[in-house]
Amino acid sequence: MKYTYECKGTCAMIITLELDEEKKLHNVQFVGGCDGNHKGIIRLVEGQDAKTVAETLAGTTCGPRPTSCPDQLSKAIEAALAEAV
């Protein structure tokens, strides 16, 4: 299942991801934001359990912002999991 999420409060504007039948993450992509950081996040989460990744990244902040790209990824994953039910 492919899912697209519009980010709120971050430099990244859109996150796309895919969930397989076992709810593992694949092909995560960010549009906008810090390319190097996103490449690192993508490598770390590829093939990982979506729920575990969402729980791990939730609440991560960026400077004074109450959110971050990892936090927005957690929200994207949660929304995708809810839609996949």
Protein backbone atom coordinates (compact mmCIF):
# COMPACT_ATOMS: atom_id res chain seq x y z
CA MET A 1 0.00 0.00 0.00
CA LYS A 2 1.39 3.40 -0.98
CA TYR A 3 0.60 6.39 1.25
CA THR A 4 1.22 10.14 0.86
CA TYR A 5 1.27 12.53 3.83
CA GLU A 6 1.38 16.34 3.84
CA CYS A 7 3.78 17.52 6.53
CA LYS A 8 2.90 20.27 8.99
CA GLY A 9 5.46 22.55 10.63
CA THR A 10 8.62 21.20 8.95
CA CYS A 11 10.85 21.99 6.00
CA ALA A 12 9.76 18.72 4.39
CA MET A 13 6.46 19.21 2.59
CA ILE A 14 5.43 15.65 1.71
CA ILE A 15 6.32 12.15 2.84
CA THR A 16 5.50 9.08 0.77
CA LEU A 17 5.88 5.54 2.03
CA GLU A 18 4.81 2.00 1.31
CA LEU A 19 3.61 -0.67 3.72
CA ASP A 20 3.82 -4.32 2.79
CA GLU A 21 1.45 -7.07 3.98
CA GLU A 22 3.48 -7.49 7.18
CA LYS A 23 3.30 -3.72 7.94
CA LYS A 24 7.00 -3.20 7.15
CA LEU A 25 8.17 0.15 5.73
CA HIS A 26 9.52 0.51 2.21
CA ASN A 27 10.38 3.29 -0.22
CA VAL A 28 10.09 6.18 2.25
CA GLN A 29 10.69 9.50 0.50
CA PHE A 30 10.69 13.12 1.69
CA VAL A 31 9.99 16.13 -0.54
CA GLY A 32 11.82 19.19 0.76
CA GLY A 33 13.94 19.47 3.86
CA CYS A 34 17.45 18.30 4.69
CA ASP A 35 18.48 15.78 2.06
CA GLY A 36 21.31 14.16 4.05
CA ASN A 37 19.23 13.72 7.19
CA HIS A 38 16.39 12.24 5.19
CA LYS A 39 18.70 9.80 3.43
CA GLY A 40 19.89 8.61 6.84
CA ILE A 41 16.36 8.23 8.19
CA ILE A 42 15.31 6.34 5.06
CA ARG A 43 18.20 3.87 5.41
CA LEU A 44 17.41 3.29 9.07
CA VAL A 45 13.69 2.61 8.59
CA GLU A 46 13.73 0.57 5.36
CA GLY A 47 12.21 -2.85 6.03
CA GLN A 48 11.48 -2.08 9.68
CA ASP A 49 8.21 -2.67 11.51
CA ALA A 50 6.07 0.42 10.89
CA LYS A 51 4.52 0.58 14.36
CA THR A 52 7.90 0.33 16.08
CA VAL A 53 9.36 3.09 13.90
CA ALA A 54 6.36 5.35 14.57
CA GLU A 55 6.65 4.81 18.33
CA THR A 56 10.40 5.47 18.27
CA LEU A 57 10.22 8.70 16.25
CA ALA A 58 7.07 10.21 17.80
CA GLY A 59 7.67 13.43 19.70
CA THR A 60 11.07 14.24 18.18
CA THR A 61 11.48 18.03 17.96
CA CYS A 62 13.62 20.26 15.74
CA GLY A 63 15.09 23.25 17.56
CA PRO A 64 12.22 25.33 18.98
CA ARG A 65 9.64 23.61 16.76
CA PRO A 66 7.22 21.22 18.46
CA THR A 67 7.70 18.73 15.60
CA SER A 68 10.38 17.50 13.18
CA CYS A 69 10.71 15.44 10.04
CA PRO A 70 11.08 12.23 12.10
CA ASP A 71 7.98 13.20 14.12
CA GLN A 72 6.08 13.90 10.91
CA LEU A 73 7.19 10.50 9.58
CA SER A 74 5.72 8.93 12.72
CA LYS A 75 2.43 10.71 12.01
CA ALA A 76 2.52 9.59 8.37
CA ILE A 77 3.08 5.99 9.46
CA GLU A 78 0.25 6.12 11.99
CA ALA A 79 -2.11 7.52 9.35
CA ALA A 80 -1.07 4.85 6.86
CA LEU A 81 -1.53 2.08 9.42
CA ALA A 82 -5.00 3.40 10.27
CA GLU A 83 -5.94 3.41 6.59
CA ALA A 84 -4.53 -0.09 6.06
CA VAL A 85 -6.91 -1.66 8.62
